[in-house]
Amino acid sequence: MPYEPRATPVFEALIVPKLLAGADRRLTILNGTVALGLLLAAGWWWWAGIALAVQALFKWLTARDPHLFAAYRRYLAEGDVYDPFARAFQRNNVRPEGFGRDTLC
């Protein structure tokens, strides 16, 4: 019996990020919340044009790279520099994530 490699179907709907109005879902909700708050609370009706322009920008950026905002959120969560000094809340000999944590020296 010849060997056949295992084939697993990958559905695109499971890979692409969740979009709302053609842009990243979280950014669209944030943009809508800020716009609605400024429209109703402050009475700045001209802000609707700015919110629509910002939404169009988000939609254009998402069309160029659907994972752009997810990558940026991941980049923001990472530390900028390795802090070599011990802290009061740090366990003994525990390095930060990404700097050889849980590896033998």
Foldseek 3Di string as FASTA:
>chain_A
DDDDDDDDDDDVVVPFADDDPQAHPVVLVVLVVVLVCCCPPVVPPVVVVVSVVVVVVRNVVCVVPVCVVVVVVVVVPDDDDFDPDDDPPDDPPAGDPPPQGPHDD
